[in-house]
Amino acid sequence: MAGTKNHDYHILPPDIWPLLGSMSALTFTTGMVLYMHEMSGGHLVTGIGLAGLLATFFSWFSNIVKEAQEGYHTPVVQLHLRYGMILFIASEVMFFVGWFWSWFDFALFPSTLTEVVDGQWPPAAIEAVMDPFDLPLLNTLILLCSGTTVTWAHHSLIHDDRDGLKKGLWATVILGVVFTCIQAYEYAHAPFGFGGNTYGSAFYMATGFHGFHVLVGTIFLIVCLIRAYKGHFTPRQHFGFEAAAWYWHFVDVVWLFLFVVVYIWGGWGAPIH
């Protein structure tokens, strides 16, 4: 019979969001270029692009949730969603590899940057570094605890314990918010700024992007918490939550590397703030 579906794939209908998302991304990056070069219209163009991106994110992911609830996410579709998430996390890994690479390059070969860092690391311009066993250690413990709470939520879902799922997600979201607040406080009281030398730039880019990923992961988990209250997940079909848990564990692991490499090893021997 013509039009009969005889496969396990979900053929998506035409949608405006891929086009709008691409245009919004171009608008946003153009606005950022204008803003960083202090050209007129930078704030406006950036705002328009950001608004378009947020609308795209909200609407596109809402469509995906509806498709899952309507039964379009067959085992084959779920498998490919998993492949997509794995590749996305792999790309994020390489993103942070770039920042770690720059950090090791600056730290291990300071003699090549004599005019900038006076041939030493941390640079002579850095009068003091952050104490790794103060707020950074506290944040490390917070993220490690959040990794256990999101695992608690996952196991509760697998065993159809809806109450444990909600409690585990609530605990993880709260820990994520606390981590972000502590990092914001740490930045506000840091003994060095963003620009001026390679240490400050590499430090804030690496830890700042990680903080952004924590924020995104927290939003991801909040969406999962809302869906949990709506009864969306089942023990056999819950990839939306599983993807959030994968992402959160990735954020945890990256922070452990940042804590050891940037805070402890990278500031070794320098005065502590």
C-alpha atoms as a PDB file:
ATOM      1  CA  MET A   1       0.000   0.000   0.000  1.00  0.00           C
ATOM      2  CA  ALA A   2       1.394   3.419  -0.944  1.00  0.00           C
ATOM      3  CA  GLY A   3       2.564   5.484   1.996  1.00  0.00           C
ATOM      4  CA  THR A   4       2.703   2.506   4.373  1.00  0.00           C
ATOM      5  CA  LYS A   5       5.622   2.675   6.812  1.00  0.00           C
ATOM      6  CA  ASN A   6       7.630  -0.551   6.601  1.00  0.00           C
ATOM      7  CA  HIS A   7      10.745   0.487   8.528  1.00  0.00           C
ATOM      8  CA  ASP A   8      11.770   1.474  12.064  1.00  0.00           C
ATOM      9  CA  TYR A   9      13.072   4.919  11.175  1.00  0.00           C
ATOM     10  CA  HIS A  10      11.331   8.200  11.913  1.00  0.00           C
ATOM     11  CA  ILE A  11      11.126  10.404   8.819  1.00  0.00           C
ATOM     12  CA  LEU A  12      10.916  13.987  10.044  1.00  0.00           C
ATOM     13  CA  PRO A  13       8.445  16.372   8.409  1.00  0.00           C
ATOM     14  CA  PRO A  14       9.701  19.698   6.998  1.00  0.00           C
ATOM     15  CA  ASP A  15      10.648  22.079   9.820  1.00  0.00           C
ATOM     16  CA  ILE A  16      11.734  25.722   9.997  1.00  0.00           C
ATOM     17  CA  TRP A  17      14.035  25.335  12.994  1.00  0.00           C
ATOM     18  CA  PRO A  18      17.210  24.044  11.267  1.00  0.00           C
ATOM     19  CA  LEU A  19      17.143  27.031   8.911  1.00  0.00           C
ATOM     20  CA  LEU A  20      16.293  29.506  11.659  1.00  0.00           C
ATOM     21  CA  GLY A  21      18.977  28.016  13.917  1.00  0.00           C
ATOM     22  CA  SER A  22      21.641  28.365  11.225  1.00  0.00           C
ATOM     23  CA  MET A  23      20.652  31.960  10.493  1.00  0.00           C
ATOM     24  CA  SER A  24      20.578  32.776  14.216  1.00  0.00           C
ATOM     25  CA  ALA A  25      24.047  31.277  14.729  1.00  0.00           C
ATOM     26  CA  LEU A  26      25.416  33.381  11.862  1.00  0.00           C
ATOM     27  CA  THR A  27      23.706  36.482  13.247  1.00  0.00           C
ATOM     28  CA  PHE A  28      25.041  35.824  16.740  1.00  0.00           C
ATOM     29  CA  THR A  29      28.654  35.312  15.646  1.00  0.00           C
ATOM     30  CA  THR A  30      28.469  38.385  13.398  1.00  0.00           C
ATOM     31  CA  GLY A  31      27.183  40.418  16.314  1.00  0.00           C
ATOM     32  CA  MET A  32      29.982  39.163  18.544  1.00  0.00           C
ATOM     33  CA  VAL A  33      32.562  40.235  15.952  1.00  0.00           C
ATOM     34  CA  LEU A  34      30.965  43.684  15.769  1.00  0.00           C
ATOM     35  CA  TYR A  35      30.863  43.896  19.562  1.00  0.00           C
ATOM     36  CA  MET A  36      34.501  42.843  20.078  1.00  0.00           C
ATOM     37  CA  HIS A  37      35.631  45.415  17.504  1.00  0.00           C
ATOM     38  CA  GLU A  38      33.479  48.065  19.219  1.00  0.00           C
ATOM     39  CA  MET A  39      31.479  48.667  16.050  1.00  0.00           C
ATOM     40  CA  SER A  40      27.955  50.068  16.039  1.00  0.00           C
ATOM     41  CA  GLY A  41      25.099  47.591  16.221  1.00  0.00           C
ATOM     42  CA  GLY A  42      27.119  44.910  17.965  1.00  0.00           C
ATOM     43  CA  HIS A  43      24.811  44.624  20.977  1.00  0.00           C
ATOM     44  CA  LEU A  44      21.653  44.631  18.869  1.00  0.00           C
ATOM     45  CA  VAL A  45      22.837  42.047  16.335  1.00  0.00           C
ATOM     46  CA  THR A  46      24.173  39.797  19.111  1.00  0.00           C
ATOM     47  CA  GLY A  47      20.876  40.050  20.989  1.00  0.00           C
ATOM     48  CA  ILE A  48      18.836  39.172  17.916  1.00  0.00           C
ATOM     49  CA  GLY A  49      21.049  36.164  17.166  1.00  0.00           C
ATOM     50  CA  LEU A  50      20.922  34.967  20.781  1.00  0.00           C
ATOM     51  CA  ALA A  51      17.127  35.284  20.886  1.00  0.00           C
ATOM     52  CA  GLY A  52      16.864  33.236  17.697  1.00  0.00           C
ATOM     53  CA  LEU A  53      19.175  30.549  19.093  1.00  0.00           C
ATOM     54  CA  LEU A  54      17.211  30.282  22.340  1.00  0.00           C
ATOM     55  CA  ALA A  55      13.938  30.033  20.429  1.00  0.00           C
ATOM     56  CA  THR A  56      15.446  27.332  18.219  1.00  0.00           C
ATOM     57  CA  PHE A  57      16.738  25.353  21.183  1.00  0.00           C
ATOM     58  CA  PHE A  58      13.411  25.502  23.002  1.00  0.00           C
ATOM     59  CA  SER A  59      11.222  24.659  20.017  1.00  0.00           C
ATOM     60  CA  TRP A  60      13.468  22.015  18.455  1.00  0.00           C
ATOM     61  CA  PHE A  61      13.988  20.113  21.704  1.00  0.00           C
ATOM     62  CA  SER A  62      10.271  20.436  22.473  1.00  0.00           C
ATOM     63  CA  ASN A  63       9.573  18.700  19.153  1.00  0.00           C
ATOM     64  CA  ILE A  64      11.986  15.903  20.055  1.00  0.00           C
ATOM     65  CA  VAL A  65      10.226  15.384  23.399  1.00  0.00           C
ATOM     66  CA  LYS A  66       6.847  15.233  21.631  1.00  0.00           C
ATOM     67  CA  GLU A  67       8.196  12.691  19.146  1.00  0.00           C
ATOM     68  CA  ALA A  68       9.423  10.515  22.021  1.00  0.00           C
ATOM     69  CA  GLN A  69       6.061  10.692  23.770  1.00  0.00           C
ATOM     70  CA  GLU A  70       4.212   9.852  20.561  1.00  0.00           C
ATOM     71  CA  GLY A  71       6.219   6.655  20.112  1.00  0.00           C
ATOM     72  CA  TYR A  72       8.441   7.676  17.207  1.00  0.00           C
ATOM     73  CA  HIS A  73      11.654   6.855  19.092  1.00  0.00           C
ATOM     74  CA  THR A  74      11.893   3.195  18.145  1.00  0.00           C
ATOM     75  CA  PRO A  75      14.901   1.130  19.304  1.00  0.00           C
ATOM     76  CA  VAL A  76      16.678   1.949  16.033  1.00  0.00           C
ATOM     77  CA  VAL A  77      16.032   5.685  16.456  1.00  0.00           C
ATOM     78  CA  GLN A  78      17.200   5.530  20.082  1.00  0.00           C
ATOM     79  CA  LEU A  79      20.386   3.775  18.983  1.00  0.00           C
ATOM     80  CA  HIS A  80      21.178   6.538  16.532  1.00  0.00           C
ATOM     81  CA  LEU A  81      20.376   9.187  19.136  1.00  0.00           C
ATOM     82  CA  ARG A  82      22.952   7.489  21.354  1.00  0.00           C
ATOM     83  CA  TYR A  83      25.512   7.573  18.547  1.00  0.00           C
ATOM     84  CA  GLY A  84      24.810  11.260  18.097  1.00  0.00           C
ATOM     85  CA  MET A  85      25.257  12.012  21.799  1.00  0.00           C
ATOM     86  CA  ILE A  86      28.485  10.010  21.935  1.00  0.00           C
ATOM     87  CA  LEU A  87      29.895  11.946  18.983  1.00  0.00           C
ATOM     88  CA  PHE A  88      28.788  15.234  20.538  1.00  0.00           C
ATOM     89  CA  ILE A  89      30.570  14.436  23.805  1.00  0.00           C
ATOM     90  CA  ALA A  90      33.640  13.337  21.825  1.00  0.00           C
ATOM     91  CA  SER A  91      33.677  16.735  20.095  1.00  0.00           C
ATOM     92  CA  GLU A  92      33.415  18.406  23.512  1.00  0.00           C
ATOM     93  CA  VAL A  93      36.366  16.338  24.726  1.00  0.00           C
ATOM     94  CA  MET A  94      38.476  17.635  21.835  1.00  0.00           C
ATOM     95  CA  PHE A  95      37.314  21.174  22.600  1.00  0.00           C
ATOM     96  CA  PHE A  96      38.800  20.936  26.092  1.00  0.00           C
ATOM     97  CA  VAL A  97      41.879  19.133  24.774  1.00  0.00           C
ATOM     98  CA  GLY A  98      42.671  22.380  22.963  1.00  0.00           C
ATOM     99  CA  TRP A  99      42.595  24.379  26.191  1.00  0.00           C
ATOM    100  CA  PHE A 100      44.690  21.818  28.069  1.00  0.00           C
ATOM    101  CA  TRP A 101      47.148  21.795  25.173  1.00  0.00           C
ATOM    102  CA  SER A 102      47.575  25.570  25.369  1.00  0.00           C
ATOM    103  CA  TRP A 103      47.967  25.394  29.145  1.00  0.00           C
ATOM    104  CA  PHE A 104      50.717  22.752  28.947  1.00  0.00           C
ATOM    105  CA  ASP A 105      52.414  24.636  26.104  1.00  0.00           C
ATOM    106  CA  PHE A 106      52.540  27.863  28.111  1.00  0.00           C
ATOM    107  CA  ALA A 107      53.619  26.110  31.310  1.00  0.00           C
ATOM    108  CA  LEU A 108      56.260  23.731  29.929  1.00  0.00           C
ATOM    109  CA  PHE A 109      57.905  26.167  27.509  1.00  0.00           C
ATOM    110  CA  PRO A 110      57.865  29.575  29.212  1.00  0.00           C
ATOM    111  CA  SER A 111      61.260  30.460  27.721  1.00  0.00           C
ATOM    112  CA  THR A 112      59.617  30.881  24.312  1.00  0.00           C
ATOM    113  CA  LEU A 113      57.400  33.577  25.845  1.00  0.00           C
ATOM    114  CA  THR A 114      60.122  35.493  27.662  1.00  0.00           C
ATOM    115  CA  GLU A 115      58.769  38.922  26.757  1.00  0.00           C
ATOM    116  CA  VAL A 116      55.328  37.974  28.054  1.00  0.00           C
ATOM    117  CA  VAL A 117      55.941  35.815  31.128  1.00  0.00           C
ATOM    118  CA  ASP A 118      59.606  36.616  31.910  1.00  0.00           C
ATOM    119  CA  GLY A 119      60.556  33.015  31.172  1.00  0.00           C
ATOM    120  CA  GLN A 120      58.739  31.596  34.175  1.00  0.00           C
ATOM    121  CA  TRP A 121      55.427  29.967  35.028  1.00  0.00           C
ATOM    122  CA  PRO A 122      53.226  31.283  36.494  1.00  0.00           C
ATOM    123  CA  PRO A 123      54.276  34.588  34.898  1.00  0.00           C
ATOM    124  CA  ALA A 124      55.983  37.215  37.013  1.00  0.00           C
ATOM    125  CA  ALA A 125      52.907  39.432  36.609  1.00  0.00           C
ATOM    126  CA  ILE A 126      50.872  36.886  38.611  1.00  0.00           C
ATOM    127  CA  GLU A 127      51.501  37.964  42.188  1.00  0.00           C
ATOM    128  CA  ALA A 128      49.397  35.142  43.632  1.00  0.00           C
ATOM    129  CA  VAL A 129      47.339  32.164  42.438  1.00  0.00           C
ATOM    130  CA  MET A 130      44.213  30.642  43.904  1.00  0.00           C
ATOM    131  CA  ASP A 131      44.574  28.157  46.713  1.00  0.00           C
ATOM    132  CA  PRO A 132      43.563  24.839  45.102  1.00  0.00           C
ATOM    133  CA  PHE A 133      42.620  23.360  48.477  1.00  0.00           C
ATOM    134  CA  ASP A 134      40.128  26.093  49.300  1.00  0.00           C
ATOM    135  CA  LEU A 135      37.128  26.811  47.040  1.00  0.00           C
ATOM    136  CA  PRO A 136      38.400  24.660  44.122  1.00  0.00           C
ATOM    137  CA  LEU A 137      38.583  21.607  46.398  1.00  0.00           C
ATOM    138  CA  LEU A 138      35.090  22.354  47.713  1.00  0.00           C
ATOM    139  CA  ASN A 139      33.773  22.556  44.160  1.00  0.00           C
ATOM    140  CA  THR A 140      35.515  19.267  43.359  1.00  0.00           C
ATOM    141  CA  LEU A 141      33.710  17.562  46.221  1.00  0.00           C
ATOM    142  CA  ILE A 142      30.415  19.133  45.113  1.00  0.00           C
ATOM    143  CA  LEU A 143      30.760  17.813  41.568  1.00  0.00           C
ATOM    144  CA  LEU A 144      31.806  14.360  42.781  1.00  0.00           C
ATOM    145  CA  CYS A 145      28.713  14.277  45.000  1.00  0.00           C
ATOM    146  CA  SER A 146      26.561  15.405  42.075  1.00  0.00           C
ATOM    147  CA  GLY A 147      27.896  12.491  40.044  1.00  0.00           C
ATOM    148  CA  THR A 148      26.619  10.096  42.712  1.00  0.00           C
ATOM    149  CA  THR A 149      23.206  11.782  42.953  1.00  0.00           C
ATOM    150  CA  VAL A 150      22.607  11.674  39.188  1.00  0.00           C
ATOM    151  CA  THR A 151      23.594   7.980  39.257  1.00  0.00           C
ATOM    152  CA  TRP A 152      21.119   7.490  42.113  1.00  0.00           C
ATOM    153  CA  ALA A 153      18.420   9.090  39.958  1.00  0.00           C
ATOM    154  CA  HIS A 154      19.343   6.869  37.009  1.00  0.00           C
ATOM    155  CA  HIS A 155      19.220   3.648  39.001  1.00  0.00           C
ATOM    156  CA  SER A 156      15.937   4.728  40.578  1.00  0.00           C
ATOM    157  CA  LEU A 157      14.451   5.225  37.127  1.00  0.00           C
ATOM    158  CA  ILE A 158      15.662   1.824  35.931  1.00  0.00           C
ATOM    159  CA  HIS A 159      13.927   0.224  38.937  1.00  0.00           C
ATOM    160  CA  ASP A 160      10.776   2.345  38.374  1.00  0.00           C
ATOM    161  CA  ASP A 161      11.305   4.311  41.589  1.00  0.00           C
ATOM    162  CA  ARG A 162       9.794   7.666  40.582  1.00  0.00           C
ATOM    163  CA  ASP A 163      10.366   9.203  44.008  1.00  0.00           C
ATOM    164  CA  GLY A 164      14.075   8.334  43.960  1.00  0.00           C
ATOM    165  CA  LEU A 165      14.351   9.706  40.426  1.00  0.00           C
ATOM    166  CA  LYS A 166      12.940  13.067  41.477  1.00  0.00           C
ATOM    167  CA  LYS A 167      15.014  13.293  44.664  1.00  0.00           C
ATOM    168  CA  GLY A 168      18.219  12.389  42.823  1.00  0.00           C
ATOM    169  CA  LEU A 169      17.540  15.002  40.140  1.00  0.00           C
ATOM    170  CA  TRP A 170      16.678  17.664  42.721  1.00  0.00           C
ATOM    171  CA  ALA A 171      19.930  16.966  44.589  1.00  0.00           C
ATOM    172  CA  THR A 172      21.984  17.100  41.372  1.00  0.00           C
ATOM    173  CA  VAL A 173      20.397  20.359  40.210  1.00  0.00           C
ATOM    174  CA  ILE A 174      20.977  21.986  43.616  1.00  0.00           C
ATOM    175  CA  LEU A 175      24.620  20.872  43.659  1.00  0.00           C
ATOM    176  CA  GLY A 176      25.081  22.236  40.127  1.00  0.00           C
ATOM    177  CA  VAL A 177      23.666  25.621  41.139  1.00  0.00           C
ATOM    178  CA  VAL A 178      25.895  25.716  44.247  1.00  0.00           C
ATOM    179  CA  PHE A 179      28.950  24.922  42.107  1.00  0.00           C
ATOM    180  CA  THR A 180      28.146  27.804  39.750  1.00  0.00           C
ATOM    181  CA  CYS A 181      27.632  30.246  42.638  1.00  0.00           C
ATOM    182  CA  ILE A 182      30.948  29.267  44.233  1.00  0.00           C
ATOM    183  CA  GLN A 183      32.779  29.670  40.927  1.00  0.00           C
ATOM    184  CA  ALA A 184      31.220  33.107  40.419  1.00  0.00           C
ATOM    185  CA  TYR A 185      32.389  34.096  43.913  1.00  0.00           C
ATOM    186  CA  GLU A 186      35.855  32.726  43.140  1.00  0.00           C
ATOM    187  CA  TYR A 187      36.074  34.796  39.955  1.00  0.00           C
ATOM    188  CA  ALA A 188      34.913  37.940  41.768  1.00  0.00           C
ATOM    189  CA  HIS A 189      37.713  37.582  44.336  1.00  0.00           C
ATOM    190  CA  ALA A 190      40.474  36.234  42.073  1.00  0.00           C
ATOM    191  CA  PRO A 191      43.932  37.829  42.523  1.00  0.00           C
ATOM    192  CA  PHE A 192      44.422  38.156  38.740  1.00  0.00           C
ATOM    193  CA  GLY A 193      42.332  39.235  35.779  1.00  0.00           C
ATOM    194  CA  PHE A 194      41.505  37.750  32.398  1.00  0.00           C
ATOM    195  CA  GLY A 195      43.892  39.638  30.118  1.00  0.00           C
ATOM    196  CA  GLY A 196      47.477  40.772  30.323  1.00  0.00           C
ATOM    197  CA  ASN A 197      49.242  37.395  30.319  1.00  0.00           C
ATOM    198  CA  THR A 198      48.861  33.820  29.158  1.00  0.00           C
ATOM    199  CA  TYR A 199      48.180  32.445  32.641  1.00  0.00           C
ATOM    200  CA  GLY A 200      45.082  34.532  33.250  1.00  0.00           C
ATOM    201  CA  SER A 201      43.737  34.059  29.729  1.00  0.00           C
ATOM    202  CA  ALA A 202      44.216  30.286  29.674  1.00  0.00           C
ATOM    203  CA  PHE A 203      42.883  29.931  33.230  1.00  0.00           C
ATOM    204  CA  TYR A 204      39.650  31.804  32.611  1.00  0.00           C
ATOM    205  CA  MET A 205      39.023  30.271  29.191  1.00  0.00           C
ATOM    206  CA  ALA A 206      39.447  26.705  30.458  1.00  0.00           C
ATOM    207  CA  THR A 207      37.578  27.056  33.754  1.00  0.00           C
ATOM    208  CA  GLY A 208      35.060  29.516  32.321  1.00  0.00           C
ATOM    209  CA  PHE A 209      34.023  27.226  29.491  1.00  0.00           C
ATOM    210  CA  HIS A 210      33.723  24.411  31.999  1.00  0.00           C
ATOM    211  CA  GLY A 211      31.490  26.626  34.118  1.00  0.00           C
ATOM    212  CA  PHE A 212      29.351  27.290  31.041  1.00  0.00           C
ATOM    213  CA  HIS A 213      29.045  23.534  30.488  1.00  0.00           C
ATOM    214  CA  VAL A 214      27.956  23.098  34.115  1.00  0.00           C
ATOM    215  CA  LEU A 215      25.272  25.731  33.520  1.00  0.00           C
ATOM    216  CA  VAL A 216      24.085  23.961  30.354  1.00  0.00           C
ATOM    217  CA  GLY A 217      24.121  20.606  32.154  1.00  0.00           C
ATOM    218  CA  THR A 218      22.090  22.063  35.020  1.00  0.00           C
ATOM    219  CA  ILE A 219      19.465  23.328  32.572  1.00  0.00           C
ATOM    220  CA  PHE A 220      19.508  19.901  30.905  1.00  0.00           C
ATOM    221  CA  LEU A 221      18.784  18.245  34.261  1.00  0.00           C
ATOM    222  CA  ILE A 222      16.077  20.780  35.150  1.00  0.00           C
ATOM    223  CA  VAL A 223      14.278  19.847  31.924  1.00  0.00           C
ATOM    224  CA  CYS A 224      14.608  16.178  32.893  1.00  0.00           C
ATOM    225  CA  LEU A 225      13.199  16.990  36.352  1.00  0.00           C
ATOM    226  CA  ILE A 226      10.170  18.713  34.803  1.00  0.00           C
ATOM    227  CA  ARG A 227       9.658  15.736  32.500  1.00  0.00           C
ATOM    228  CA  ALA A 228       9.965  13.367  35.457  1.00  0.00           C
ATOM    229  CA  TYR A 229       7.096  15.168  37.199  1.00  0.00           C
ATOM    230  CA  LYS A 230       5.068  14.780  33.996  1.00  0.00           C
ATOM    231  CA  GLY A 231       5.765  11.052  33.977  1.00  0.00           C
ATOM    232  CA  HIS A 232       7.652  11.058  30.685  1.00  0.00           C
ATOM    233  CA  PHE A 233      10.374   8.521  31.433  1.00  0.00           C
ATOM    234  CA  THR A 234       9.982   4.761  31.709  1.00  0.00           C
ATOM    235  CA  PRO A 235      12.508   2.110  32.790  1.00  0.00           C
ATOM    236  CA  ARG A 236      12.773   0.923  29.167  1.00  0.00           C
ATOM    237  CA  GLN A 237      12.728   4.279  27.357  1.00  0.00           C
ATOM    238  CA  HIS A 238      14.483   7.262  28.923  1.00  0.00           C
ATOM    239  CA  PHE A 239      17.248   8.344  26.568  1.00  0.00           C
ATOM    240  CA  GLY A 240      16.567  12.028  27.276  1.00  0.00           C
ATOM    241  CA  PHE A 241      17.579  11.502  30.885  1.00  0.00           C
ATOM    242  CA  GLU A 242      20.402   9.150  29.943  1.00  0.00           C
ATOM    243  CA  ALA A 243      21.917  11.793  27.648  1.00  0.00           C
ATOM    244  CA  ALA A 244      21.781  14.348  30.469  1.00  0.00           C
ATOM    245  CA  ALA A 245      23.503  11.898  32.825  1.00  0.00           C
ATOM    246  CA  TRP A 246      26.261  11.209  30.274  1.00  0.00           C
ATOM    247  CA  TYR A 247      26.798  14.912  29.792  1.00  0.00           C
ATOM    248  CA  TRP A 248      26.958  15.512  33.544  1.00  0.00           C
ATOM    249  CA  HIS A 249      29.524  12.767  34.081  1.00  0.00           C
ATOM    250  CA  PHE A 250      31.586  14.281  31.264  1.00  0.00           C
ATOM    251  CA  VAL A 251      31.492  17.645  33.054  1.00  0.00           C
ATOM    252  CA  ASP A 252      32.627  15.940  36.282  1.00  0.00           C
ATOM    253  CA  VAL A 253      35.613  14.276  34.624  1.00  0.00           C
ATOM    254  CA  VAL A 254      36.730  17.486  32.895  1.00  0.00           C
ATOM    255  CA  TRP A 255      36.671  19.303  36.227  1.00  0.00           C
ATOM    256  CA  LEU A 256      38.885  16.664  37.850  1.00  0.00           C
ATOM    257  CA  PHE A 257      41.484  17.262  35.122  1.00  0.00           C
ATOM    258  CA  LEU A 258      41.131  21.040  35.532  1.00  0.00           C
ATOM    259  CA  PHE A 259      41.547  20.784  39.291  1.00  0.00           C
ATOM    260  CA  VAL A 260      44.732  18.724  39.030  1.00  0.00           C
ATOM    261  CA  VAL A 261      46.316  20.384  35.979  1.00  0.00           C
ATOM    262  CA  VAL A 262      45.274  24.035  36.324  1.00  0.00           C
ATOM    263  CA  TYR A 263      44.793  24.626  40.037  1.00  0.00           C
ATOM    264  CA  ILE A 264      47.377  22.281  41.602  1.00  0.00           C
ATOM    265  CA  TRP A 265      50.092  21.650  39.002  1.00  0.00           C
ATOM    266  CA  GLY A 266      49.721  24.904  37.063  1.00  0.00           C
ATOM    267  CA  GLY A 267      50.172  27.138  40.098  1.00  0.00           C
ATOM    268  CA  TRP A 268      52.755  25.024  41.911  1.00  0.00           C
ATOM    269  CA  GLY A 269      55.317  27.083  43.835  1.00  0.00           C
ATOM    270  CA  ALA A 270      53.560  30.426  43.337  1.00  0.00           C
ATOM    271  CA  PRO A 271      52.282  32.539  46.244  1.00  0.00           C
ATOM    272  CA  ILE A 272      48.725  31.601  47.233  1.00  0.00           C
ATOM    273  CA  HIS A 273      45.944  34.149  47.517  1.00  0.00           C
END
